Amino acid sequence: MKNFSVVILAAGLGKRMNSSLPKVMHKLSGKPLIKWVVDSVSILKPDNLILVLGWCSEVIEGFLSGNNIKIVYQEEQLGSGHALIQAGKILRDYKGYILVLNADVPLIKSSTLLSLIENNRETGASATVLIARVNNPFGYGRIILKDDIYLEKIVEEKDATQVEKQIKEINSGVYCFDENLWKALLKLKPNNAKKEYYITDIISILRELGKKVSSVMVEDSYEVKGINTRTELCEVESMLKERKIKELLSNGVTIIDINNVYISYDAKIGMDSVIYPGVFIDTGVSIGKKCIIKGSSYIKNSRIGDASTILYSYIEDTVISEKVKVGPFSHIRESSILKENVKVGNFSEVKKSMISENSKVNHLSYLGNAQIGKDVNIGAGTITCNYDGIVKHDTVIGSGSFIGSNVNFVAPVKIGEGVFIAAGSTITHNVPSGQFAIARARQRSKERKKSTVDSKNSP
């Protein structure tokens, strides 16, 4: 869909956040507020995506670089209307529709934005305003209708009369304008309590110019919840989590204690999986059917196959197949792959490694840059010494091998299939398939000479 452009307003100071970080860079469910909005509008593929920045703009620019976004700046903080004027440097001669929204309304849906454009086209309106009906309208601009049909004006909270403050229909701060926007902006004046230029005054100006102004009511006011404080950020986070948990419960997932878990908005969890108290499921997680996720486990950017069990473990950027058991107290790090029926147990760590089917790493081991074959037993205390101070090297262990306890593999090293490595060995050379390898000093016992301390302590 084309013939429209988008302006995202992100120049506000965000003072109520009480932060050195720009408000729109604060994270909601792991993603900065502004990225939520950018993602929603990008799906629609606008002709232009313009971001109006002000304070601390370099932080926001750095984060969004490479997203095909055009930047303009509001040097003085003179209100939302003044911020929109800055977009005229790019869009003044543009003939399509212009969607305008704030960067602090993260839950706005692409379909809702599309409905504003469609309303403008169908009604011939010069402006369509997205409105919502809320129980507590405090802080929002109130919608004033003429004859209960046409949108006459929007009155800000600080400029509203007591009667107007009782109105439940509020301005969401999301608009769709046609090219008459620029004529209206030329007439915009700071005739309000704060002497600022308000976008909301454009509605009255367009009416005075004889233009039609329409509105669309959002189905769920949750979608246009703005975030100005850390309290509101926390509230929206809770709303997201609550809705996600309800969705999962209705889809056949058991959550033992809904008040003692965190589950990200984008989590996918299969039927008959059980989520125990204390679990933290971050963004980018897919969990299969009949899984058990237990204890203080943290999972992010990972896929977990059906019938797998995760106990008190940290898992990130990992692919786990079916019937795998991890933990308790395991750490599975980036670029790791655990194949079917693998077990990684107590206090073991895996990084950038693949462990093939039916292999076991049960206790106190570290596998980094390793390729482990099928049916391999990794004994307790086994370590791949993969880093030489400059480069990280690979360790390859063939299928059917048995690795005794407390073995060090000094990479790069390759172990064939069906190899037996004796406990306590430090392996520095390749071992062919079917071989037995032992690499440790011969034990020797000598008579112990009594020390001076022993003599003094003797009876």
Protein backbone atom coordinates (compact mmCIF):
# COMPACT_ATOMS: atom_id res chain seq x y z
CA MET A 1 0.00 0.00 0.00
CA LYS A 2 1.38 3.39 -1.03
CA ASN A 3 0.34 7.05 -1.38
CA PHE A 4 0.88 7.83 2.27
CA SER A 5 3.76 8.83 4.49
CA VAL A 6 4.31 8.61 8.24
CA VAL A 7 5.59 11.16 10.75
CA ILE A 8 6.59 9.88 14.18
CA LEU A 9 6.99 12.54 16.86
CA ALA A 10 9.84 11.73 19.24
CA ALA A 11 11.29 15.10 20.21
CA GLY A 12 9.83 15.40 23.72
CA LEU A 13 12.05 15.70 26.76
CA GLY A 14 10.26 12.98 28.69
CA LYS A 15 10.96 14.73 31.99
CA ARG A 16 8.56 12.56 33.95
CA MET A 17 10.72 9.50 33.28
CA ASN A 18 13.43 11.14 35.42
CA SER A 19 16.10 9.52 33.28
CA SER A 20 19.26 10.32 31.32
CA LEU A 21 17.86 8.05 28.60
CA PRO A 22 15.32 9.44 26.09
CA LYS A 23 11.82 8.33 27.01
CA VAL A 24 11.26 6.53 23.73
CA MET A 25 14.38 4.42 24.30
CA HIS A 26 13.00 2.88 27.48
CA LYS A 27 12.12 -0.75 26.87
CA LEU A 28 8.74 -2.40 26.90
CA SER A 29 9.02 -6.20 26.97
CA GLY A 30 12.62 -5.95 25.88
CA LYS A 31 12.08 -3.54 22.96
CA PRO A 32 12.46 0.28 23.01
CA LEU A 33 9.15 2.13 22.77
CA ILE A 34 10.10 3.78 19.50
CA LYS A 35 10.92 0.43 17.89
CA TRP A 36 7.39 -0.78 18.65
CA VAL A 37 5.97 2.16 16.70
CA VAL A 38 8.50 1.94 13.86
CA ASP A 39 7.74 -1.77 13.45
CA SER A 40 3.98 -1.13 13.29
CA VAL A 41 4.22 1.50 10.56
CA SER A 42 6.99 -0.23 8.59
CA ILE A 43 4.71 -3.20 7.89
CA LEU A 44 2.51 -0.82 5.86
CA LYS A 45 5.47 0.24 3.66
CA PRO A 46 4.88 4.01 3.57
CA ASP A 47 6.41 6.24 0.88
CA ASN A 48 8.32 8.12 3.58
CA LEU A 49 8.98 7.42 7.25
CA ILE A 50 10.02 10.60 9.03
CA LEU A 51 11.16 10.85 12.62
CA VAL A 52 11.09 14.18 14.45
CA LEU A 53 13.83 14.24 17.08
CA GLY A 54 14.94 16.71 19.71
CA TRP A 55 16.77 16.07 22.96
CA CYS A 56 19.40 13.32 22.91
CA SER A 57 18.69 12.64 19.23
CA GLU A 58 22.04 10.93 18.66
CA VAL A 59 21.06 8.02 20.92
CA ILE A 60 17.84 7.39 18.98
CA GLU A 61 19.51 7.86 15.59
CA GLY A 62 22.22 5.38 16.49
CA PHE A 63 19.69 2.76 17.48
CA LEU A 64 17.52 3.18 14.36
CA SER A 65 20.30 3.55 11.80
CA GLY A 66 19.74 1.42 8.72
CA ASN A 67 15.93 1.43 9.00
CA ASN A 68 15.36 3.73 5.99
CA ILE A 69 14.13 6.54 8.25
CA LYS A 70 14.44 10.22 7.44
CA ILE A 71 15.32 12.47 10.38
CA VAL A 72 14.29 16.08 11.05
CA TYR A 73 14.96 18.05 14.22
CA GLN A 74 12.90 20.19 16.55
CA GLU A 75 15.55 22.44 18.05
CA GLU A 76 13.10 24.26 20.36
CA GLN A 77 10.43 22.42 22.31
CA LEU A 78 7.41 24.47 21.26
CA GLY A 79 4.74 21.79 21.18
CA SER A 80 3.49 18.97 18.99
CA GLY A 81 2.31 21.28 16.22
CA HIS A 82 5.74 22.88 16.02
CA ALA A 83 7.29 19.39 15.85
CA LEU A 84 5.03 18.50 12.92
CA ILE A 85 6.00 21.70 11.11
CA GLN A 86 9.57 20.35 10.95
CA ALA A 87 8.39 17.43 8.80
CA GLY A 88 7.34 19.99 6.19
CA LYS A 89 11.00 20.24 5.18
CA ILE A 90 10.50 16.86 3.51
CA LEU A 91 6.74 16.56 2.93
CA ARG A 92 5.54 20.05 2.01
CA ASP A 93 5.10 19.14 -1.68
CA TYR A 94 3.94 15.59 -0.97
CA LYS A 95 0.44 14.85 -2.30
CA GLY A 96 -0.41 11.69 -0.40
CA TYR A 97 -1.91 11.14 3.04
CA ILE A 98 0.17 11.80 6.14
CA LEU A 99 -0.12 9.58 9.21
CA VAL A 100 1.04 11.31 12.40
CA LEU A 101 1.61 9.50 15.68
CA ASN A 102 3.72 9.68 18.82
CA ALA A 103 6.66 7.43 19.62
CA ASP A 104 5.34 6.74 23.12
CA VAL A 105 2.21 4.82 22.05
CA PRO A 106 3.84 1.42 21.51
CA LEU A 107 0.82 -0.88 21.18
CA ILE A 108 -0.76 0.78 18.14
CA LYS A 109 -1.64 -1.84 15.52
CA SER A 110 -0.84 -1.63 11.82
CA SER A 111 -4.47 -2.48 11.02
CA THR A 112 -5.68 0.47 13.09
CA LEU A 113 -3.35 2.86 11.28
CA LEU A 114 -4.60 1.48 7.98
CA SER A 115 -8.20 2.14 9.02
CA LEU A 116 -7.44 5.87 9.36
CA ILE A 117 -6.11 6.08 5.81
CA GLU A 118 -9.08 4.14 4.49
CA ASN A 119 -11.47 6.43 6.37
CA ASN A 120 -9.91 9.52 4.79
CA ARG A 121 -10.29 7.97 1.34
CA GLU A 122 -13.86 6.81 1.87
CA THR A 123 -15.19 10.00 3.53
CA GLY A 124 -13.12 12.61 1.69
CA ALA A 125 -12.03 14.03 5.03
CA SER A 126 -8.96 16.25 5.32
CA ALA A 127 -8.29 14.72 8.72
CA THR A 128 -9.25 11.58 10.57
CA VAL A 129 -8.56 11.39 14.29
CA LEU A 130 -8.22 8.11 16.16
CA ILE A 131 -10.26 8.41 19.35
CA ALA A 132 -10.86 6.13 22.30
CA ARG A 133 -13.43 5.86 25.08
CA VAL A 134 -11.85 5.45 28.53
CA ASN A 135 -13.10 5.39 32.11
CA ASN A 136 -10.43 7.80 33.35
CA PRO A 137 -9.69 10.45 30.71
CA PHE A 138 -7.39 12.54 32.95
CA GLY A 139 -4.42 13.94 31.06
CA TYR A 140 -5.85 13.37 27.58
CA GLY A 141 -7.33 15.83 25.10
CA ARG A 142 -11.14 15.64 25.00
CA ILE A 143 -13.10 15.10 21.80
CA ILE A 144 -15.73 17.76 21.11
CA LEU A 145 -18.38 16.67 18.62
CA LYS A 146 -20.84 18.90 16.76
CA ASP A 147 -24.39 17.56 16.68
CA ASP A 148 -22.94 14.32 18.10
CA ILE A 149 -21.63 13.46 14.63
CA TYR A 150 -18.84 15.67 13.35
CA LEU A 151 -15.55 16.29 15.04
CA GLU A 152 -15.46 20.00 15.91
CA LYS A 153 -12.30 20.33 18.02
CA ILE A 154 -9.99 18.74 20.55
CA VAL A 155 -9.44 20.41 23.91
CA GLU A 156 -6.32 19.66 25.93
CA GLU A 157 -6.69 18.75 29.63
CA LYS A 158 -5.11 21.98 30.87
CA ASP A 159 -7.36 24.10 28.65
CA ALA A 160 -10.62 22.18 29.23
CA THR A 161 -13.57 23.46 31.20
CA GLN A 162 -15.02 21.40 34.04
CA VAL A 163 -17.82 20.24 31.74
CA GLU A 164 -15.35 19.24 29.01
CA LYS A 165 -13.24 17.31 31.51
CA GLN A 166 -16.19 14.95 32.08
CA ILE A 167 -16.06 13.76 28.46
CA LYS A 168 -14.89 10.13 28.19
CA GLU A 169 -13.91 10.24 24.51
CA ILE A 170 -10.25 11.17 24.22
CA ASN A 171 -7.71 11.96 21.56
CA SER A 172 -5.20 9.16 21.04
CA GLY A 173 -2.67 11.46 19.36
CA VAL A 174 -2.90 9.48 16.11
CA TYR A 175 -4.05 11.31 12.96
CA CYS A 176 -4.32 10.99 9.21
CA PHE A 177 -4.17 14.26 7.20
CA ASP A 178 -4.38 15.10 3.53
CA GLU A 179 -2.27 17.80 1.86
CA ASN A 180 -4.39 20.56 3.46
CA LEU A 181 -2.35 19.93 6.58
CA TRP A 182 0.28 22.44 5.47
CA LYS A 183 -2.28 25.20 4.91
CA ALA A 184 -3.59 24.62 8.40
CA LEU A 185 -0.11 24.65 9.94
CA LEU A 186 0.49 28.13 8.48
CA LYS A 187 -2.45 29.36 10.58
CA LEU A 188 -1.41 27.59 13.77
CA LYS A 189 -1.00 29.93 16.78
CA PRO A 190 0.15 29.33 20.39
CA ASN A 191 -3.16 30.45 21.90
CA ASN A 192 -3.16 28.21 24.96
CA ALA A 193 -2.01 28.07 28.57
CA LYS A 194 1.52 26.94 27.73
CA LYS A 195 1.97 29.15 24.64
CA GLU A 196 2.77 26.10 22.52
CA TYR A 197 1.69 25.01 19.05
CA TYR A 198 -0.76 22.10 19.36
CA ILE A 199 -1.54 19.58 16.65
CA THR A 200 -5.03 19.42 18.13
CA ASP A 201 -5.72 23.03 17.03
CA ILE A 202 -5.32 21.91 13.41
CA ILE A 203 -8.74 20.27 13.67
CA SER A 204 -10.48 23.59 14.36
CA ILE A 205 -8.45 25.31 11.64
CA LEU A 206 -9.42 22.73 9.04
CA ARG A 207 -13.07 23.17 10.04
CA GLU A 208 -12.70 26.94 9.58
CA LEU A 209 -11.24 26.29 6.13
CA GLY A 210 -14.41 24.38 5.28
CA LYS A 211 -12.74 20.98 5.33
CA LYS A 212 -14.33 17.82 6.62
CA VAL A 213 -12.92 16.26 9.78
CA SER A 214 -13.77 12.69 10.73
CA SER A 215 -12.86 10.21 13.44
CA VAL A 216 -12.39 6.49 13.99
CA MET A 217 -13.03 4.87 17.36
CA VAL A 218 -10.37 2.35 18.35
CA GLU A 219 -11.92 -0.96 19.43
CA ASP A 220 -9.63 -1.38 22.44
CA SER A 221 -8.30 1.65 24.31
CA TYR A 222 -5.41 -0.54 25.48
CA GLU A 223 -3.97 -0.05 21.99
CA VAL A 224 -3.48 3.71 22.40
CA LYS A 225 -2.16 3.72 25.95
CA GLY A 226 0.55 6.38 26.11
CA ILE A 227 3.64 6.11 28.27
CA ASN A 228 4.99 9.17 30.03
CA THR A 229 6.19 7.79 33.36
CA ARG A 230 7.89 4.68 34.67
CA THR A 231 4.64 3.84 36.43
CA GLU A 232 2.79 3.85 33.11
CA LEU A 233 5.58 1.78 31.56
CA CYS A 234 5.15 -0.78 34.33
CA GLU A 235 1.38 -0.75 33.87
CA VAL A 236 1.61 -1.43 30.15
CA GLU A 237 4.18 -4.17 30.76
CA SER A 238 1.72 -5.80 33.16
CA MET A 239 -1.10 -5.44 30.62
CA LEU A 240 0.99 -7.15 27.96
CA LYS A 241 1.91 -10.00 30.27
CA GLU A 242 -1.64 -10.46 31.53
CA ARG A 243 -3.03 -10.70 28.01
CA LYS A 244 -0.31 -13.11 26.94
CA ILE A 245 -0.95 -15.39 29.91
CA LYS A 246 -4.69 -15.45 29.20
CA GLU A 247 -3.95 -16.37 25.59
CA LEU A 248 -1.64 -19.21 26.63
CA LEU A 249 -4.06 -20.56 29.20
CA SER A 250 -6.85 -20.66 26.62
CA ASN A 251 -4.51 -22.50 24.23
CA GLY A 252 -3.86 -25.34 26.68
CA VAL A 253 -0.72 -24.21 28.55
CA THR A 254 -0.58 -24.73 32.31
CA ILE A 255 0.87 -21.82 34.32
CA ILE A 256 1.11 -22.76 37.97
CA ASP A 257 1.23 -19.22 39.37
CA ILE A 258 0.35 -16.41 36.95
CA ASN A 259 1.63 -13.79 39.40
CA ASN A 260 5.07 -15.30 39.69
CA VAL A 261 6.23 -15.65 36.07
CA TYR A 262 7.25 -13.31 33.28
CA ILE A 263 6.24 -14.31 29.76
CA SER A 264 7.03 -12.02 26.83
CA TYR A 265 4.32 -10.81 24.46
CA ASP A 266 5.76 -12.83 21.54
CA ALA A 267 6.30 -16.17 23.30
CA LYS A 268 4.97 -19.30 21.61
CA ILE A 269 4.23 -22.24 23.94
CA GLY A 270 2.66 -25.54 22.90
CA MET A 271 -0.29 -27.39 24.39
CA ASP A 272 0.17 -29.26 27.68
CA SER A 273 3.44 -27.54 28.53
CA VAL A 274 3.76 -26.52 32.19
CA ILE A 275 5.34 -23.26 33.34
CA TYR A 276 6.33 -23.25 37.02
CA PRO A 277 6.77 -20.23 39.34
CA GLY A 278 9.89 -18.14 38.91
CA VAL A 279 10.29 -18.68 35.16
CA PHE A 280 11.33 -15.70 32.97
CA ILE A 281 10.57 -16.15 29.27
CA ASP A 282 12.05 -13.23 27.36
CA THR A 283 11.56 -12.25 23.71
CA GLY A 284 12.05 -14.58 20.77
CA VAL A 285 11.14 -17.84 22.51
CA SER A 286 9.28 -20.82 21.07
CA ILE A 287 8.51 -23.77 23.35
CA GLY A 288 6.95 -26.98 22.05
CA LYS A 289 4.24 -29.25 23.42
CA LYS A 290 4.44 -31.16 26.73
CA CYS A 291 7.49 -29.26 27.97
CA ILE A 292 8.29 -28.54 31.60
CA ILE A 293 9.94 -25.21 32.43
CA LYS A 294 10.74 -25.13 36.11
CA GLY A 295 12.46 -23.02 38.75
CA SER A 296 14.28 -19.74 38.16
CA SER A 297 14.91 -20.46 34.49
CA TYR A 298 15.63 -17.63 32.03
CA ILE A 299 15.08 -18.23 28.30
CA LYS A 300 15.64 -15.79 25.42
CA ASN A 301 15.84 -16.06 21.62
CA SER A 302 15.64 -19.83 21.75
CA ARG A 303 13.58 -22.71 20.40
CA ILE A 304 12.76 -25.68 22.61
CA GLY A 305 11.32 -28.87 21.14
CA ASP A 306 8.44 -31.01 22.37
CA ALA A 307 8.64 -32.95 25.64
CA SER A 308 11.80 -31.17 26.82
CA THR A 309 12.52 -30.20 30.42
CA ILE A 310 14.35 -27.08 31.59
CA LEU A 311 15.26 -26.90 35.29
CA TYR A 312 16.71 -23.80 36.94
CA SER A 313 18.79 -22.89 33.89
CA TYR A 314 19.85 -19.96 31.68
CA ILE A 315 19.29 -20.43 27.96
CA GLU A 316 19.95 -17.84 25.24
CA ASP A 317 20.23 -17.96 21.42
CA THR A 318 19.95 -21.75 21.41
CA VAL A 319 18.08 -24.46 19.48
CA ILE A 320 16.95 -27.39 21.62
CA SER A 321 15.32 -30.45 20.04
CA GLU A 322 12.74 -32.87 21.40
CA LYS A 323 13.04 -34.79 24.69
CA VAL A 324 16.04 -32.82 25.89
CA LYS A 325 16.74 -32.27 29.57
CA VAL A 326 18.68 -29.20 30.69
CA GLY A 327 19.64 -28.53 34.28
CA PRO A 328 19.40 -28.00 37.06
CA PHE A 329 21.76 -25.02 36.98
CA SER A 330 22.98 -25.26 33.39
CA HIS A 331 24.03 -22.38 31.16
CA ILE A 332 23.36 -22.86 27.43
CA ARG A 333 24.82 -19.94 25.51
CA GLU A 334 24.68 -18.50 21.99
CA SER A 335 24.81 -20.60 18.84
CA SER A 336 24.37 -23.90 20.64
CA ILE A 337 22.34 -26.82 19.31
CA LEU A 338 21.15 -29.69 21.47
CA LYS A 339 19.78 -32.59 19.46
CA GLU A 340 17.09 -35.08 20.48
CA ASN A 341 17.35 -36.77 23.87
CA VAL A 342 20.46 -34.86 24.95
CA LYS A 343 21.06 -34.26 28.65
CA VAL A 344 23.02 -31.31 30.04
CA GLY A 345 23.07 -31.39 33.81
CA ASN A 346 24.28 -29.77 37.00
CA PHE A 347 26.46 -26.69 36.67
CA SER A 348 27.46 -27.36 33.06
CA GLU A 349 27.99 -24.72 30.36
CA VAL A 350 27.68 -25.04 26.58
CA LYS A 351 28.64 -22.32 24.09
CA LYS A 352 28.76 -22.35 20.28
CA SER A 353 28.56 -26.13 20.32
CA MET A 354 26.44 -28.89 18.88
CA ILE A 355 25.63 -31.95 20.97
CA SER A 356 24.15 -34.79 18.92
CA GLU A 357 21.43 -37.27 19.77
CA ASN A 358 21.48 -39.23 23.05
CA SER A 359 24.70 -37.64 24.33
CA LYS A 360 25.12 -36.62 27.97
CA VAL A 361 26.98 -33.80 29.72
CA ASN A 362 25.88 -34.44 33.25
CA HIS A 363 28.10 -32.57 35.70
CA LEU A 364 30.37 -29.55 36.04
CA SER A 365 31.60 -29.41 32.45
CA TYR A 366 32.34 -26.70 29.88
CA LEU A 367 31.93 -27.28 26.14
CA GLY A 368 32.89 -24.34 23.93
CA ASN A 369 33.27 -24.47 20.13
CA ALA A 370 32.66 -28.22 20.28
CA GLN A 371 31.03 -30.75 17.97
CA ILE A 372 29.85 -33.77 19.95
CA GLY A 373 28.64 -36.87 18.14
CA LYS A 374 25.82 -39.26 19.03
CA ASP A 375 25.76 -41.42 22.18
CA VAL A 376 28.74 -39.68 23.77
CA ASN A 377 29.25 -39.62 27.54
CA ILE A 378 31.00 -36.51 28.82
CA GLY A 379 32.33 -37.16 32.32
CA ALA A 380 32.16 -34.70 35.19
CA GLY A 381 34.61 -31.82 35.06
CA THR A 382 35.37 -32.12 31.34
CA ILE A 383 36.60 -28.90 29.72
CA THR A 384 37.30 -27.86 26.16
CA CYS A 385 40.28 -25.50 26.37
CA ASN A 386 39.22 -23.62 23.26
CA TYR A 387 40.85 -20.21 23.66
CA ASP A 388 44.57 -19.61 23.16
CA GLY A 389 44.39 -15.92 24.03
CA ILE A 390 43.82 -14.83 20.43
CA VAL A 391 41.66 -17.38 18.61
CA LYS A 392 39.00 -19.86 19.72
CA HIS A 393 39.53 -23.37 18.36
CA ASP A 394 37.25 -26.36 17.76
CA THR A 395 37.01 -29.65 19.57
CA VAL A 396 35.41 -32.59 17.73
CA ILE A 397 34.37 -35.77 19.58
CA GLY A 398 33.07 -38.68 17.51
CA SER A 399 29.96 -40.72 18.16
CA GLY A 400 30.00 -43.48 20.75
CA SER A 401 32.99 -42.09 22.65
CA PHE A 402 33.35 -42.23 26.42
CA ILE A 403 35.04 -39.29 28.09
CA GLY A 404 36.12 -39.90 31.67
CA SER A 405 35.90 -37.32 34.44
CA ASN A 406 38.20 -34.30 34.67
CA VAL A 407 39.44 -34.44 31.06
CA ASN A 408 40.89 -31.35 29.37
CA PHE A 409 40.78 -31.09 25.58
CA VAL A 410 43.38 -28.55 24.38
CA ALA A 411 41.87 -27.39 21.09
CA PRO A 412 42.15 -27.73 18.21
CA VAL A 413 41.78 -31.44 18.68
CA LYS A 414 39.75 -34.20 17.03
CA ILE A 415 38.61 -37.37 18.76
CA GLY A 416 37.38 -40.21 16.56
CA GLU A 417 34.41 -42.51 17.06
CA GLY A 418 34.26 -45.07 19.83
CA VAL A 419 37.23 -43.56 21.70
CA PHE A 420 37.77 -44.04 25.44
CA ILE A 421 39.52 -41.16 27.23
CA ALA A 422 40.80 -42.02 30.70
CA ALA A 423 39.79 -39.81 33.60
CA GLY A 424 42.19 -37.00 34.47
CA SER A 425 43.74 -36.83 30.99
CA THR A 426 44.84 -33.66 29.22
CA ILE A 427 44.44 -34.37 25.52
CA THR A 428 46.61 -32.27 23.20
CA HIS A 429 46.65 -34.46 20.06
CA ASN A 430 44.05 -36.11 17.85
CA VAL A 431 42.90 -39.61 18.85
CA PRO A 432 41.93 -42.06 16.07
CA SER A 433 38.65 -43.96 16.20
CA GLY A 434 38.48 -46.99 18.48
CA GLN A 435 41.52 -46.00 20.54
CA PHE A 436 42.08 -45.74 24.29
CA ALA A 437 43.85 -42.53 25.33
CA ILE A 438 45.45 -41.66 28.64
CA ALA A 439 47.51 -38.53 29.20
CA ARG A 440 48.51 -38.03 32.80
CA ALA A 441 51.69 -38.32 34.87
CA ARG A 442 52.38 -41.71 36.46
CA GLN A 443 51.42 -41.76 40.14
CA ARG A 444 54.38 -42.21 42.44
CA SER A 445 54.43 -42.60 46.21
CA LYS A 446 57.52 -41.82 48.33
CA GLU A 447 58.28 -41.90 51.99
CA ARG A 448 57.24 -38.67 53.58
CA LYS A 449 59.93 -36.80 55.46
CA LYS A 450 58.83 -35.20 58.69
CA SER A 451 58.89 -31.41 58.55
CA THR A 452 59.91 -29.06 61.36
CA VAL A 453 56.26 -28.37 62.01
CA ASP A 454 55.55 -32.09 62.32
CA SER A 455 58.39 -32.47 64.84
CA LYS A 456 57.07 -29.68 67.01
CA ASN A 457 53.59 -31.14 66.99
CA SER A 458 54.66 -34.70 67.78
CA PRO A 459 53.80 -36.02 71.30
